[in-house]
Amino acid sequence: MSVNIQPLADYVVARQEEAESKTASGLYLPDKAQEKPKVAKVVAVGKNVQEIKVGDRIVYKTYSTTEVKVGADEYMLIKEEDILATVK
C-alpha cells in the first residue's frame, strides 16, 4: 500500500481500525453509538522511530493524535511516546 504522507522525526502514521457495528449479543449499533477503537495499523514511520514498524497494530493514547485527510484517505499522526502497546 502506497502512502502519500511521510512522517518526520519520531512520528508514526496510522490508519484507525473500523469500529464494531454489532454487540456480542448480536445487536447492531448506530454510527453515533459506536465507540472509536483505540487500535490502529501503522502505515509509515519517521526516521527516528525505534520500536514500531510498518504493519504493527498499536494501542495509543486517546487525545494524542492529529487527524489528517489526504485525498480520500484518513490518517492519524502519533508520536512514538504516545503509543502504549502493540497488539499481536
C-alpha atoms as a PDB file:
ATOM      1  CA  MET A   1       0.000   0.000   0.000  1.00  0.00           C
ATOM      2  CA  SER A   2       1.449   3.330  -1.028  1.00  0.00           C
ATOM      3  CA  VAL A   3       1.011   6.181   1.450  1.00  0.00           C
ATOM      4  CA  ASN A   4       1.082   9.806   0.294  1.00  0.00           C
ATOM      5  CA  ILE A   5       2.314  11.101   3.647  1.00  0.00           C
ATOM      6  CA  GLN A   6       5.769  10.641   5.216  1.00  0.00           C
ATOM      7  CA  PRO A   7       6.138  11.388   8.940  1.00  0.00           C
ATOM      8  CA  LEU A   8       9.129  13.261  10.327  1.00  0.00           C
ATOM      9  CA  ALA A   9      11.305  12.515  13.371  1.00  0.00           C
ATOM     10  CA  ASP A  10       9.538  10.265  15.907  1.00  0.00           C
ATOM     11  CA  TYR A  11       6.045  10.357  14.400  1.00  0.00           C
ATOM     12  CA  VAL A  12       4.046   7.379  13.136  1.00  0.00           C
ATOM     13  CA  VAL A  13       1.281   7.474  10.508  1.00  0.00           C
ATOM     14  CA  ALA A  14      -1.530   5.037  11.277  1.00  0.00           C
ATOM     15  CA  ARG A  15      -4.973   4.172   9.977  1.00  0.00           C
ATOM     16  CA  GLN A  16      -7.668   3.654  12.612  1.00  0.00           C
ATOM     17  CA  GLU A  17      -9.406   0.280  12.641  1.00  0.00           C
ATOM     18  CA  GLU A  18     -13.133   0.119  11.998  1.00  0.00           C
ATOM     19  CA  ALA A  19     -15.477   0.277  14.994  1.00  0.00           C
ATOM     20  CA  GLU A  20     -17.577  -2.757  15.840  1.00  0.00           C
ATOM     21  CA  SER A  21     -21.097  -2.344  14.458  1.00  0.00           C
ATOM     22  CA  LYS A  22     -22.536  -5.338  16.303  1.00  0.00           C
ATOM     23  CA  THR A  23     -22.530  -6.187  20.010  1.00  0.00           C
ATOM     24  CA  ALA A  24     -21.590  -9.591  21.435  1.00  0.00           C
ATOM     25  CA  SER A  25     -25.292 -10.369  21.866  1.00  0.00           C
ATOM     26  CA  GLY A  26     -25.999  -9.631  18.188  1.00  0.00           C
ATOM     27  CA  LEU A  27     -27.494  -6.129  18.406  1.00  0.00           C
ATOM     28  CA  TYR A  28     -26.471  -3.657  15.701  1.00  0.00           C
ATOM     29  CA  LEU A  29     -25.214  -0.260  16.878  1.00  0.00           C
ATOM     30  CA  PRO A  30     -25.939   3.011  15.066  1.00  0.00           C
ATOM     31  CA  ASP A  31     -22.860   5.007  13.973  1.00  0.00           C
ATOM     32  CA  LYS A  32     -23.197   7.562  16.783  1.00  0.00           C
ATOM     33  CA  ALA A  33     -23.306   4.875  19.482  1.00  0.00           C
ATOM     34  CA  GLN A  34     -20.126   3.164  18.315  1.00  0.00           C
ATOM     35  CA  GLU A  35     -17.038   3.833  20.404  1.00  0.00           C
ATOM     36  CA  LYS A  36     -13.953   4.683  18.365  1.00  0.00           C
ATOM     37  CA  PRO A  37     -11.373   1.942  18.754  1.00  0.00           C
ATOM     38  CA  LYS A  38      -8.023   2.850  20.264  1.00  0.00           C
ATOM     39  CA  VAL A  39      -6.245   0.412  17.923  1.00  0.00           C
ATOM     40  CA  ALA A  40      -4.682   1.409  14.605  1.00  0.00           C
ATOM     41  CA  LYS A  41      -2.457  -0.112  11.931  1.00  0.00           C
ATOM     42  CA  VAL A  42       0.867   1.621  11.222  1.00  0.00           C
ATOM     43  CA  VAL A  43       1.346   2.563   7.553  1.00  0.00           C
ATOM     44  CA  ALA A  44       4.511   4.726   7.792  1.00  0.00           C
ATOM     45  CA  VAL A  45       7.145   5.642  10.388  1.00  0.00           C
ATOM     46  CA  GLY A  46       9.542   8.577  10.809  1.00  0.00           C
ATOM     47  CA  LYS A  47      13.304   8.123  10.696  1.00  0.00           C
ATOM     48  CA  ASN A  48      13.750   8.412  14.493  1.00  0.00           C
ATOM     49  CA  VAL A  49      11.139   5.786  15.428  1.00  0.00           C
ATOM     50  CA  GLN A  50      12.890   2.915  17.163  1.00  0.00           C
ATOM     51  CA  GLU A  51      10.390   0.280  18.338  1.00  0.00           C
ATOM     52  CA  ILE A  52       7.450   0.487  15.924  1.00  0.00           C
ATOM     53  CA  LYS A  53       7.474  -0.714  12.323  1.00  0.00           C
ATOM     54  CA  VAL A  54       5.097  -0.578   9.360  1.00  0.00           C
ATOM     55  CA  GLY A  55       2.350  -3.186   9.695  1.00  0.00           C
ATOM     56  CA  ASP A  56       2.229  -3.168  13.520  1.00  0.00           C
ATOM     57  CA  ARG A  57      -1.142  -2.828  15.236  1.00  0.00           C
ATOM     58  CA  ILE A  58      -0.840  -0.288  18.043  1.00  0.00           C
ATOM     59  CA  VAL A  59      -2.785   0.973  21.054  1.00  0.00           C
ATOM     60  CA  TYR A  60      -2.441   4.734  21.524  1.00  0.00           C
ATOM     61  CA  LYS A  61      -3.457   7.485  23.929  1.00  0.00           C
ATOM     62  CA  THR A  62      -6.922   8.832  23.135  1.00  0.00           C
ATOM     63  CA  TYR A  63      -6.218  12.563  22.859  1.00  0.00           C
ATOM     64  CA  SER A  64      -2.684  12.398  21.493  1.00  0.00           C
ATOM     65  CA  THR A  65      -3.365  12.103  17.771  1.00  0.00           C
ATOM     66  CA  THR A  66      -3.532  14.569  14.903  1.00  0.00           C
ATOM     67  CA  GLU A  67      -6.032  13.502  12.262  1.00  0.00           C
ATOM     68  CA  VAL A  68      -5.147  14.231   8.632  1.00  0.00           C
ATOM     69  CA  LYS A  69      -7.099  13.641   5.434  1.00  0.00           C
ATOM     70  CA  VAL A  70      -5.029  13.128   2.273  1.00  0.00           C
ATOM     71  CA  GLY A  71      -7.285  12.733  -0.736  1.00  0.00           C
ATOM     72  CA  ALA A  72      -9.965  10.222   0.244  1.00  0.00           C
ATOM     73  CA  ASP A  73      -7.785   8.572   2.921  1.00  0.00           C
ATOM     74  CA  GLU A  74      -7.833   9.466   6.623  1.00  0.00           C
ATOM     75  CA  TYR A  75      -4.710   9.016   8.737  1.00  0.00           C
ATOM     76  CA  MET A  76      -3.542   9.775  12.263  1.00  0.00           C
ATOM     77  CA  LEU A  77      -0.154  11.186  13.217  1.00  0.00           C
ATOM     78  CA  ILE A  78       1.008   9.840  16.581  1.00  0.00           C
ATOM     79  CA  LYS A  79       4.266  10.479  18.449  1.00  0.00           C
ATOM     80  CA  GLU A  80       6.080   7.261  19.318  1.00  0.00           C
ATOM     81  CA  GLU A  81       5.985   8.179  23.017  1.00  0.00           C
ATOM     82  CA  ASP A  82       2.155   8.246  22.887  1.00  0.00           C
ATOM     83  CA  ILE A  83       1.954   4.635  21.711  1.00  0.00           C
ATOM     84  CA  LEU A  84       1.122   2.421  24.682  1.00  0.00           C
ATOM     85  CA  ALA A  85       1.451  -1.092  23.233  1.00  0.00           C
ATOM     86  CA  THR A  86       1.494  -3.276  20.140  1.00  0.00           C
ATOM     87  CA  VAL A  87      -1.224  -5.863  19.536  1.00  0.00           C
ATOM     88  CA  LYS A  88      -0.269  -9.353  18.363  1.00  0.00           C
END
